[in-house]
Amino acid sequence: MKKQTRRKFAPAFKAKVALEAVKNQQTLAELAKKFEVNPIMISRWKAEFLANMASVFENAAKVEEPDVDTQELYAQIGQLKVENEFLKKSFKKLGG
């Protein structure tokens, strides 16, 4: 007898189903039939979606504030360019 494993759903699929459930254009039974998922799972995903939807905007604010020192990066780029040119010249001198 073959052991049945649980199906695993991608987060994008869960979000799609939860969004459809939030819209309330179809019943849970209709959504369950359409997406081939148990209505209880749709209810759980919907509740989780509604509970965590504020976190989407919190993460967006953090992304906009890069704490990178651009002067340091430009200095490093300059140093790498100089090293690259030096290595190119050395390679040519060695006959490459």
C-alpha atoms as a PDB file:
ATOM      1  CA  MET A   1       0.000   0.000   0.000  1.00  0.00           C
ATOM      2  CA  LYS A   2       1.346   3.388  -0.991  1.00  0.00           C
ATOM      3  CA  LYS A   3       1.817   5.999   1.736  1.00  0.00           C
ATOM      4  CA  GLN A   4       0.018   9.242   0.915  1.00  0.00           C
ATOM      5  CA  THR A   5       1.985  12.423   1.584  1.00  0.00           C
ATOM      6  CA  ARG A   6       0.579  15.844   2.299  1.00  0.00           C
ATOM      7  CA  ARG A   7       0.391  18.279  -0.544  1.00  0.00           C
ATOM      8  CA  LYS A   8       2.550  21.348  -0.176  1.00  0.00           C
ATOM      9  CA  PHE A   9       1.377  24.638  -1.609  1.00  0.00           C
ATOM     10  CA  ALA A  10       3.551  27.519  -2.720  1.00  0.00           C
ATOM     11  CA  PRO A  11       3.120  30.824  -0.877  1.00  0.00           C
ATOM     12  CA  ALA A  12       2.043  32.500  -4.132  1.00  0.00           C
ATOM     13  CA  PHE A  13      -0.754  29.953  -4.564  1.00  0.00           C
ATOM     14  CA  LYS A  14      -1.884  30.418  -0.968  1.00  0.00           C
ATOM     15  CA  ALA A  15      -1.952  34.195  -1.440  1.00  0.00           C
ATOM     16  CA  LYS A  16      -3.970  33.848  -4.638  1.00  0.00           C
ATOM     17  CA  VAL A  17      -6.560  31.613  -2.975  1.00  0.00           C
ATOM     18  CA  ALA A  18      -6.712  33.798   0.149  1.00  0.00           C
ATOM     19  CA  LEU A  19      -7.220  36.910  -1.952  1.00  0.00           C
ATOM     20  CA  GLU A  20     -10.078  35.244  -3.803  1.00  0.00           C
ATOM     21  CA  ALA A  21     -11.603  34.298  -0.443  1.00  0.00           C
ATOM     22  CA  VAL A  22     -11.273  37.880   0.851  1.00  0.00           C
ATOM     23  CA  LYS A  23     -13.108  39.203  -2.212  1.00  0.00           C
ATOM     24  CA  ASN A  24     -16.211  37.170  -1.215  1.00  0.00           C
ATOM     25  CA  GLN A  25     -17.316  36.802  -4.830  1.00  0.00           C
ATOM     26  CA  GLN A  26     -17.571  33.028  -4.459  1.00  0.00           C
ATOM     27  CA  THR A  27     -18.386  30.752  -1.546  1.00  0.00           C
ATOM     28  CA  LEU A  28     -15.736  28.663   0.166  1.00  0.00           C
ATOM     29  CA  ALA A  29     -17.224  25.542  -1.424  1.00  0.00           C
ATOM     30  CA  GLU A  30     -16.916  27.065  -4.902  1.00  0.00           C
ATOM     31  CA  LEU A  31     -13.332  28.151  -4.242  1.00  0.00           C
ATOM     32  CA  ALA A  32     -12.489  24.718  -2.860  1.00  0.00           C
ATOM     33  CA  LYS A  33     -13.789  23.086  -6.015  1.00  0.00           C
ATOM     34  CA  LYS A  34     -12.074  25.617  -8.271  1.00  0.00           C
ATOM     35  CA  PHE A  35      -8.631  25.312  -6.623  1.00  0.00           C
ATOM     36  CA  GLU A  36      -9.013  21.680  -5.463  1.00  0.00           C
ATOM     37  CA  VAL A  37      -8.321  22.570  -1.831  1.00  0.00           C
ATOM     38  CA  ASN A  38     -10.236  21.832   1.353  1.00  0.00           C
ATOM     39  CA  PRO A  39     -12.493  24.732   2.441  1.00  0.00           C
ATOM     40  CA  ILE A  40     -10.974  24.612   5.927  1.00  0.00           C
ATOM     41  CA  MET A  41      -7.534  25.298   4.449  1.00  0.00           C
ATOM     42  CA  ILE A  42      -8.935  28.256   2.533  1.00  0.00           C
ATOM     43  CA  SER A  43     -10.397  29.623   5.777  1.00  0.00           C
ATOM     44  CA  ARG A  44      -7.044  29.263   7.532  1.00  0.00           C
ATOM     45  CA  TRP A  45      -5.152  30.925   4.689  1.00  0.00           C
ATOM     46  CA  LYS A  46      -7.687  33.760   4.629  1.00  0.00           C
ATOM     47  CA  ALA A  47      -7.341  34.332   8.382  1.00  0.00           C
ATOM     48  CA  GLU A  48      -3.540  34.247   8.163  1.00  0.00           C
ATOM     49  CA  PHE A  49      -3.637  36.631   5.203  1.00  0.00           C
ATOM     50  CA  LEU A  50      -5.839  39.122   7.058  1.00  0.00           C
ATOM     51  CA  ALA A  51      -3.711  38.876  10.200  1.00  0.00           C
ATOM     52  CA  ASN A  52      -0.416  39.469   8.383  1.00  0.00           C
ATOM     53  CA  MET A  53      -1.306  41.904   5.623  1.00  0.00           C
ATOM     54  CA  ALA A  54       0.065  44.894   7.568  1.00  0.00           C
ATOM     55  CA  SER A  55       3.538  43.329   7.481  1.00  0.00           C
ATOM     56  CA  VAL A  56       3.685  43.900   3.718  1.00  0.00           C
ATOM     57  CA  PHE A  57       3.907  47.638   4.254  1.00  0.00           C
ATOM     58  CA  GLU A  58       6.336  47.349   7.176  1.00  0.00           C
ATOM     59  CA  ASN A  59       8.843  45.446   5.026  1.00  0.00           C
ATOM     60  CA  ALA A  60       8.504  47.968   2.186  1.00  0.00           C
ATOM     61  CA  ALA A  61       9.586  50.798   4.487  1.00  0.00           C
ATOM     62  CA  LYS A  62      12.699  48.868   5.528  1.00  0.00           C
ATOM     63  CA  VAL A  63      13.711  48.181   1.934  1.00  0.00           C
ATOM     64  CA  GLU A  64      13.724  51.876   1.027  1.00  0.00           C
ATOM     65  CA  GLU A  65      16.387  52.717   3.623  1.00  0.00           C
ATOM     66  CA  PRO A  66      19.666  51.174   2.500  1.00  0.00           C
ATOM     67  CA  ASP A  67      22.334  51.728   5.138  1.00  0.00           C
ATOM     68  CA  VAL A  68      25.246  51.409   2.703  1.00  0.00           C
ATOM     69  CA  ASP A  69      28.124  53.862   2.601  1.00  0.00           C
ATOM     70  CA  THR A  70      28.295  54.809  -1.080  1.00  0.00           C
ATOM     71  CA  GLN A  71      31.628  56.635  -0.692  1.00  0.00           C
ATOM     72  CA  GLU A  72      33.223  53.448   0.599  1.00  0.00           C
ATOM     73  CA  LEU A  73      31.790  51.471  -2.309  1.00  0.00           C
ATOM     74  CA  TYR A  74      33.065  53.985  -4.867  1.00  0.00           C
ATOM     75  CA  ALA A  75      36.522  53.828  -3.271  1.00  0.00           C
ATOM     76  CA  GLN A  76      36.473  50.046  -3.481  1.00  0.00           C
ATOM     77  CA  ILE A  77      35.420  50.182  -7.166  1.00  0.00           C
ATOM     78  CA  GLY A  78      38.286  52.547  -7.904  1.00  0.00           C
ATOM     79  CA  GLN A  79      40.771  50.291  -6.154  1.00  0.00           C
ATOM     80  CA  LEU A  80      39.508  47.254  -8.073  1.00  0.00           C
ATOM     81  CA  LYS A  81      39.830  49.119 -11.378  1.00  0.00           C
ATOM     82  CA  VAL A  82      43.452  50.006 -10.602  1.00  0.00           C
ATOM     83  CA  GLU A  83      44.230  46.414  -9.624  1.00  0.00           C
ATOM     84  CA  ASN A  84      42.542  45.136 -12.776  1.00  0.00           C
ATOM     85  CA  GLU A  85      44.602  47.435 -15.012  1.00  0.00           C
ATOM     86  CA  PHE A  86      47.792  46.424 -13.209  1.00  0.00           C
ATOM     87  CA  LEU A  87      47.016  42.744 -13.713  1.00  0.00           C
ATOM     88  CA  LYS A  88      46.196  43.283 -17.398  1.00  0.00           C
ATOM     89  CA  LYS A  89      49.571  45.009 -17.951  1.00  0.00           C
ATOM     90  CA  SER A  90      51.425  42.312 -16.018  1.00  0.00           C
ATOM     91  CA  PHE A  91      49.722  39.613 -18.051  1.00  0.00           C
ATOM     92  CA  LYS A  92      50.722  41.283 -21.324  1.00  0.00           C
ATOM     93  CA  LYS A  93      54.346  41.564 -20.151  1.00  0.00           C
ATOM     94  CA  LEU A  94      54.448  37.847 -19.362  1.00  0.00           C
ATOM     95  CA  GLY A  95      53.379  37.056 -22.926  1.00  0.00           C
ATOM     96  CA  GLY A  96      49.713  36.359 -22.429  1.00  0.00           C
END
